[in-house]
Every structure is written in C-alpha cells, then in structure tokens.
Amino acid sequence: MNEQEKLLESNSLEYYKNALGAEKREEYNTSVTLFFKAMASLCDLHILRNKGFFPTNHSERFRILQKEYSDLYLKIDNDFILYQNSYRLKLDKSASEVLKHDVESLFKKLRINF
C-alpha cells in the first residue's frame, strides 16, 4: 500500500470513528457530514487502487464513478443529497443510519477493518 492509499484509508477511518461519536451524541448533521466524508475518501481509495490516481473534487469523483463504477455512483449520489441537506435542515437518526450503512458496505468491499 502506497502513502496516498494509507492516507485515504486513515482519513476514512477517522471520519467514520468521529461520525459514530456524533451519532451517539445525537448530532446527526455532524454524523451525516462525517459519514459522507468517509464515503468520499473510500471512493477515492477505490479509484486510486483501480486507476492509479484519485479525483481532486466532487465533480471529478462523480464523473469517474458514474462512468466506471455505477454501483458506487448510485450510493454516493443518493448520499450526496443527504450531505447537502445537512447544511440547511435538521437531520435525524434515519439519515445518519443510511450513510453509516453505505460506508460500512464500502469498508467491507475494500476489505478494510473498521
């Protein structure tokens, strides 16, 4: 595993751990934001492992996922709406649980212990 892979994996685990803490404190906007960041880091890791580079922004990530990894694209595209809602709405536990489930599925797919 190269340094970029280690960094993305480490960041995703940090976001995930802190999202769990926020969820436990019933801070669902924060947990959704952090679960989404974990998912974005994991998608970047998947792209890096398969393509040799990682995207520099959301738009590039979404284009690559939509074109080449439709299963991941569908998840992150749906989750992106919840992430955006965290800026203007008060989210609840169900929103947090959706993202948590998707992140945990991606950890498993990438064979990362969480």
Protein backbone atom coordinates (compact mmCIF):
# COMPACT_ATOMS: atom_id res chain seq x y z
CA MET A 1 0.00 0.00 0.00
CA ASN A 2 1.45 3.36 -1.00
CA GLU A 3 1.35 6.57 1.04
CA GLN A 4 -1.70 8.01 -0.74
CA GLU A 5 -3.65 4.80 -0.08
CA LYS A 6 -2.61 4.83 3.58
CA LEU A 7 -3.69 8.47 3.91
CA LEU A 8 -7.11 7.88 2.33
CA GLU A 9 -7.69 4.79 4.46
CA SER A 10 -6.60 6.58 7.62
CA ASN A 11 -8.78 9.61 6.85
CA SER A 12 -11.82 7.45 6.11
CA LEU A 13 -11.40 5.60 9.42
CA GLU A 14 -11.00 8.90 11.30
CA TYR A 15 -14.16 10.36 9.71
CA TYR A 16 -16.05 7.13 10.44
CA LYS A 17 -14.96 6.99 14.09
CA ASN A 18 -15.91 10.62 14.67
CA ALA A 19 -19.22 10.14 12.86
CA LEU A 20 -20.06 7.30 15.24
CA GLY A 21 -19.32 9.59 18.18
CA ALA A 22 -21.50 12.35 16.76
CA GLU A 23 -24.30 9.87 16.11
CA LYS A 24 -24.07 8.63 19.70
CA ARG A 25 -24.42 12.25 20.90
CA GLU A 26 -27.45 12.62 18.56
CA GLU A 27 -25.61 15.22 16.47
CA TYR A 28 -26.98 13.88 13.21
CA ASN A 29 -25.98 16.72 10.91
CA THR A 30 -22.40 16.22 12.02
CA SER A 31 -22.56 12.43 11.71
CA VAL A 32 -24.03 12.66 8.18
CA THR A 33 -21.29 15.08 7.14
CA LEU A 34 -18.56 12.86 8.54
CA PHE A 35 -20.03 9.63 7.16
CA PHE A 36 -20.19 11.29 3.74
CA LYS A 37 -16.56 12.39 4.01
CA ALA A 38 -15.63 8.80 4.89
CA MET A 39 -17.54 7.58 1.85
CA ALA A 40 -15.85 10.11 -0.43
CA SER A 41 -12.41 9.08 0.87
CA LEU A 42 -13.25 5.42 0.35
CA CYS A 43 -14.46 6.09 -3.20
CA ASP A 44 -11.22 7.96 -3.88
CA LEU A 45 -9.29 4.99 -2.48
CA HIS A 46 -11.20 2.62 -4.76
CA ILE A 47 -10.43 4.83 -7.77
CA LEU A 48 -6.78 5.12 -6.75
CA ARG A 49 -6.40 1.36 -6.42
CA ASN A 50 -8.01 0.74 -9.80
CA LYS A 51 -6.94 3.73 -11.88
CA GLY A 52 -3.68 4.87 -10.28
CA PHE A 53 -4.90 8.35 -9.34
CA PHE A 54 -7.63 9.91 -7.24
CA PRO A 55 -10.05 12.72 -8.09
CA THR A 56 -9.39 16.25 -6.94
CA ASN A 57 -13.01 17.29 -6.32
CA HIS A 58 -16.62 16.08 -6.06
CA SER A 59 -17.37 16.66 -9.74
CA GLU A 60 -14.45 14.60 -10.98
CA ARG A 61 -15.21 11.85 -8.45
CA PHE A 62 -18.84 11.68 -9.54
CA ARG A 63 -17.94 11.59 -13.26
CA ILE A 64 -15.49 8.72 -12.77
CA LEU A 65 -17.87 6.77 -10.57
CA GLN A 66 -20.81 7.29 -12.90
CA LYS A 67 -18.82 6.19 -15.94
CA GLU A 68 -16.88 3.26 -14.47
CA TYR A 69 -18.30 2.20 -11.08
CA SER A 70 -22.07 2.60 -11.31
CA ASP A 71 -22.77 0.67 -8.10
CA LEU A 72 -20.68 3.14 -6.08
CA TYR A 73 -22.05 6.08 -8.03
CA LEU A 74 -25.65 5.22 -7.16
CA LYS A 75 -24.83 5.07 -3.44
CA ILE A 76 -22.77 8.24 -3.25
CA ASP A 77 -25.17 10.16 -5.49
CA ASN A 78 -28.10 9.34 -3.18
CA ASP A 79 -25.99 10.06 -0.10
CA PHE A 80 -24.84 13.39 -1.54
CA ILE A 81 -28.40 14.69 -1.24
CA LEU A 82 -28.41 13.91 2.49
CA TYR A 83 -24.99 15.54 2.83
CA GLN A 84 -26.25 18.69 1.11
CA ASN A 85 -29.34 18.70 3.32
CA SER A 86 -27.09 18.82 6.38
CA TYR A 87 -26.34 22.45 5.51
CA ARG A 88 -29.95 23.62 5.60
CA LEU A 89 -32.06 21.08 7.50
CA LYS A 90 -32.03 19.38 10.88
CA LEU A 91 -31.36 15.72 10.07
CA ASP A 92 -32.46 12.74 12.12
CA LYS A 93 -31.10 9.35 13.07
CA SER A 94 -32.51 7.65 9.96
CA ALA A 95 -30.43 9.86 7.66
CA SER A 96 -27.32 9.08 9.66
CA GLU A 97 -28.05 5.35 9.58
CA VAL A 98 -28.37 5.36 5.78
CA LEU A 99 -24.91 6.83 5.36
CA LYS A 100 -23.43 4.64 8.09
CA HIS A 101 -24.72 1.53 6.33
CA ASP A 102 -23.33 2.66 2.96
CA VAL A 103 -19.93 3.49 4.45
CA GLU A 104 -19.74 0.16 6.24
CA SER A 105 -20.61 -1.65 2.99
CA LEU A 106 -17.78 0.18 1.26
CA PHE A 107 -15.31 -0.65 4.02
CA LYS A 108 -16.23 -4.31 3.52
CA LYS A 109 -15.95 -4.07 -0.27
CA LEU A 110 -12.45 -2.59 0.08
CA ARG A 111 -11.54 -5.14 2.77
CA ILE A 112 -10.78 -2.52 5.40
CA ASN A 113 -11.34 -3.39 9.03
CA PHE A 114 -13.43 -0.78 10.78
